[in-house]
Amino acid sequence: MSWIYLVLAGLLEIGWPVGLKMAQEPQTRWSGIAIAVAFMAGSGFFLWLAQRHIPMGTAYAVWTGIGAAGTFLVGVLVYGDPGTLMRYIGVLLIVAGVATLKLAH
C-alpha cells in the first residue's frame, strides 16, 4: 500500500507547478495559487503515509522523480515547452534512476 501512496503523492506533485503556472495569468492568479496549495498538501500527505514503510531517501527520490517527469510532460504537451531530444533523454535518466531505487529496495 505504501508504494501506491507514493505513486499517488508523485502524481499529485505534478499539480502544484501547474497551479503556479496558472497563477502567472491575472485572471487565474488566485485559483492557480489555491490549486497549487491543495496539490502541495495532498502530495505531502501521501508522501507522509508512504514514508511509514519506505525509506525516506527512496521515497523522496521517487516522489520528486514522478513529479519532475510528469511536470515535464505536462509542460511539453499542454504548455508548449520545448521537447528536445536532450530533454527527453534527461527525463528518461530520471525515470531510470527512480526505477533503480525501486529495484534496489
C-alpha atoms as a PDB file:
ATOM      1  CA  MET A   1       0.000   0.000   0.000  1.00  0.00           C
ATOM      2  CA  SER A   2       2.906   2.350   0.706  1.00  0.00           C
ATOM      3  CA  TRP A   3       4.023   2.246  -2.924  1.00  0.00           C
ATOM      4  CA  ILE A   4       0.506   3.144  -4.039  1.00  0.00           C
ATOM      5  CA  TYR A   5       0.594   6.110  -1.658  1.00  0.00           C
ATOM      6  CA  LEU A   6       3.972   7.093  -3.046  1.00  0.00           C
ATOM      7  CA  VAL A   7       2.860   6.950  -6.679  1.00  0.00           C
ATOM      8  CA  LEU A   8      -0.242   8.963  -5.787  1.00  0.00           C
ATOM      9  CA  ALA A   9       1.946  11.512  -3.974  1.00  0.00           C
ATOM     10  CA  GLY A  10       4.161  11.771  -7.063  1.00  0.00           C
ATOM     11  CA  LEU A  11       1.199  12.279  -9.365  1.00  0.00           C
ATOM     12  CA  LEU A  12      -0.196  14.978  -7.086  1.00  0.00           C
ATOM     13  CA  GLU A  13       3.253  16.574  -7.121  1.00  0.00           C
ATOM     14  CA  ILE A  14       2.593  17.422 -10.784  1.00  0.00           C
ATOM     15  CA  GLY A  15      -0.387  19.583  -9.830  1.00  0.00           C
ATOM     16  CA  TRP A  16       1.290  22.307  -7.865  1.00  0.00           C
ATOM     17  CA  PRO A  17       3.673  23.523 -10.602  1.00  0.00           C
ATOM     18  CA  VAL A  18       0.655  23.563 -12.923  1.00  0.00           C
ATOM     19  CA  GLY A  19      -1.199  25.684 -10.367  1.00  0.00           C
ATOM     20  CA  LEU A  20       1.749  28.060 -10.154  1.00  0.00           C
ATOM     21  CA  LYS A  21       1.828  28.273 -13.948  1.00  0.00           C
ATOM     22  CA  MET A  22      -1.874  29.131 -13.924  1.00  0.00           C
ATOM     23  CA  ALA A  23      -1.175  31.801 -11.305  1.00  0.00           C
ATOM     24  CA  GLN A  24       1.044  33.640 -13.801  1.00  0.00           C
ATOM     25  CA  GLU A  25      -2.084  34.908 -15.565  1.00  0.00           C
ATOM     26  CA  PRO A  26      -4.027  37.664 -13.755  1.00  0.00           C
ATOM     27  CA  GLN A  27      -7.436  36.090 -14.448  1.00  0.00           C
ATOM     28  CA  THR A  28      -6.429  32.758 -12.870  1.00  0.00           C
ATOM     29  CA  ARG A  29      -3.999  34.050 -10.229  1.00  0.00           C
ATOM     30  CA  TRP A  30      -5.940  33.145  -7.091  1.00  0.00           C
ATOM     31  CA  SER A  31      -7.416  29.912  -8.399  1.00  0.00           C
ATOM     32  CA  GLY A  32      -3.940  28.859  -9.556  1.00  0.00           C
ATOM     33  CA  ILE A  33      -2.492  29.560  -6.117  1.00  0.00           C
ATOM     34  CA  ALA A  34      -5.341  27.648  -4.470  1.00  0.00           C
ATOM     35  CA  ILE A  35      -4.781  24.702  -6.798  1.00  0.00           C
ATOM     36  CA  ALA A  36      -1.039  24.742  -6.086  1.00  0.00           C
ATOM     37  CA  VAL A  37      -1.581  24.781  -2.315  1.00  0.00           C
ATOM     38  CA  ALA A  38      -4.172  21.991  -2.471  1.00  0.00           C
ATOM     39  CA  PHE A  39      -1.899  19.776  -4.562  1.00  0.00           C
ATOM     40  CA  MET A  40       1.060  20.503  -2.272  1.00  0.00           C
ATOM     41  CA  ALA A  41      -0.972  19.463   0.755  1.00  0.00           C
ATOM     42  CA  GLY A  42      -2.263  16.289  -0.892  1.00  0.00           C
ATOM     43  CA  SER A  43       1.141  15.347  -2.223  1.00  0.00           C
ATOM     44  CA  GLY A  44       2.788  15.912   1.139  1.00  0.00           C
ATOM     45  CA  PHE A  45       0.109  13.906   2.950  1.00  0.00           C
ATOM     46  CA  PHE A  46       0.533  10.866   0.710  1.00  0.00           C
ATOM     47  CA  LEU A  47       4.323  11.143   0.915  1.00  0.00           C
ATOM     48  CA  TRP A  48       3.966  11.128   4.699  1.00  0.00           C
ATOM     49  CA  LEU A  49       1.852   7.960   4.501  1.00  0.00           C
ATOM     50  CA  ALA A  50       4.335   6.290   2.142  1.00  0.00           C
ATOM     51  CA  GLN A  51       7.310   7.040   4.373  1.00  0.00           C
ATOM     52  CA  ARG A  52       5.873   4.832   7.099  1.00  0.00           C
ATOM     53  CA  HIS A  53       7.265   1.793   5.255  1.00  0.00           C
ATOM     54  CA  ILE A  54       9.552   3.143   2.524  1.00  0.00           C
ATOM     55  CA  PRO A  55      12.976   4.579   3.397  1.00  0.00           C
ATOM     56  CA  MET A  56      12.954   8.369   3.359  1.00  0.00           C
ATOM     57  CA  GLY A  57      15.641   8.777   0.681  1.00  0.00           C
ATOM     58  CA  THR A  58      13.962   6.307  -1.651  1.00  0.00           C
ATOM     59  CA  ALA A  59      10.527   7.830  -1.097  1.00  0.00           C
ATOM     60  CA  TYR A  60      11.786  11.346  -1.710  1.00  0.00           C
ATOM     61  CA  ALA A  61      13.661  10.397  -4.879  1.00  0.00           C
ATOM     62  CA  VAL A  62      10.670   8.517  -6.313  1.00  0.00           C
ATOM     63  CA  TRP A  63       8.289  11.329  -5.332  1.00  0.00           C
ATOM     64  CA  THR A  64      10.372  14.035  -6.960  1.00  0.00           C
ATOM     65  CA  GLY A  65      11.147  11.816  -9.967  1.00  0.00           C
ATOM     66  CA  ILE A  66       7.486  11.219 -10.716  1.00  0.00           C
ATOM     67  CA  GLY A  67       6.785  14.909 -10.183  1.00  0.00           C
ATOM     68  CA  ALA A  68       9.666  16.050 -12.382  1.00  0.00           C
ATOM     69  CA  ALA A  69       8.922  13.663 -15.248  1.00  0.00           C
ATOM     70  CA  GLY A  70       5.184  14.312 -15.082  1.00  0.00           C
ATOM     71  CA  THR A  71       5.615  18.069 -14.929  1.00  0.00           C
ATOM     72  CA  PHE A  72       7.961  17.903 -17.892  1.00  0.00           C
ATOM     73  CA  LEU A  73       5.360  16.004 -19.919  1.00  0.00           C
ATOM     74  CA  VAL A  74       2.555  18.396 -18.960  1.00  0.00           C
ATOM     75  CA  GLY A  75       4.789  21.307 -19.908  1.00  0.00           C
ATOM     76  CA  VAL A  76       5.515  19.842 -23.321  1.00  0.00           C
ATOM     77  CA  LEU A  77       2.008  18.582 -24.068  1.00  0.00           C
ATOM     78  CA  VAL A  78      -0.080  21.396 -22.595  1.00  0.00           C
ATOM     79  CA  TYR A  79       2.090  24.493 -22.341  1.00  0.00           C
ATOM     80  CA  GLY A  80       4.255  24.153 -25.440  1.00  0.00           C
ATOM     81  CA  ASP A  81       7.553  23.766 -23.568  1.00  0.00           C
ATOM     82  CA  PRO A  82      10.431  22.632 -25.794  1.00  0.00           C
ATOM     83  CA  GLY A  83      10.590  18.871 -26.285  1.00  0.00           C
ATOM     84  CA  THR A  84      14.127  18.396 -27.492  1.00  0.00           C
ATOM     85  CA  LEU A  85      15.901  15.063 -27.664  1.00  0.00           C
ATOM     86  CA  MET A  86      18.261  16.015 -24.832  1.00  0.00           C
ATOM     87  CA  ARG A  87      15.359  16.991 -22.579  1.00  0.00           C
ATOM     88  CA  TYR A  88      13.665  13.636 -23.235  1.00  0.00           C
ATOM     89  CA  ILE A  89      16.927  11.811 -22.510  1.00  0.00           C
ATOM     90  CA  GLY A  90      17.202  13.752 -19.246  1.00  0.00           C
ATOM     91  CA  VAL A  91      13.716  12.669 -18.204  1.00  0.00           C
ATOM     92  CA  LEU A  92      14.499   9.065 -19.173  1.00  0.00           C
ATOM     93  CA  LEU A  93      17.567   9.215 -16.925  1.00  0.00           C
ATOM     94  CA  ILE A  94      15.385  10.432 -14.046  1.00  0.00           C
ATOM     95  CA  VAL A  95      12.941   7.573 -14.628  1.00  0.00           C
ATOM     96  CA  ALA A  96      15.828   5.075 -14.828  1.00  0.00           C
ATOM     97  CA  GLY A  97      17.200   6.361 -11.540  1.00  0.00           C
ATOM     98  CA  VAL A  98      13.816   6.049  -9.856  1.00  0.00           C
ATOM     99  CA  ALA A  99      13.373   2.510 -11.217  1.00  0.00           C
ATOM    100  CA  THR A 100      16.821   1.574  -9.923  1.00  0.00           C
ATOM    101  CA  LEU A 101      15.921   2.825  -6.442  1.00  0.00           C
ATOM    102  CA  LYS A 102      12.711   0.767  -6.505  1.00  0.00           C
ATOM    103  CA  LEU A 103      14.559  -2.352  -7.648  1.00  0.00           C
ATOM    104  CA  ALA A 104      17.265  -1.858  -5.010  1.00  0.00           C
ATOM    105  CA  HIS A 105      14.662  -1.632  -2.241  1.00  0.00           C
END
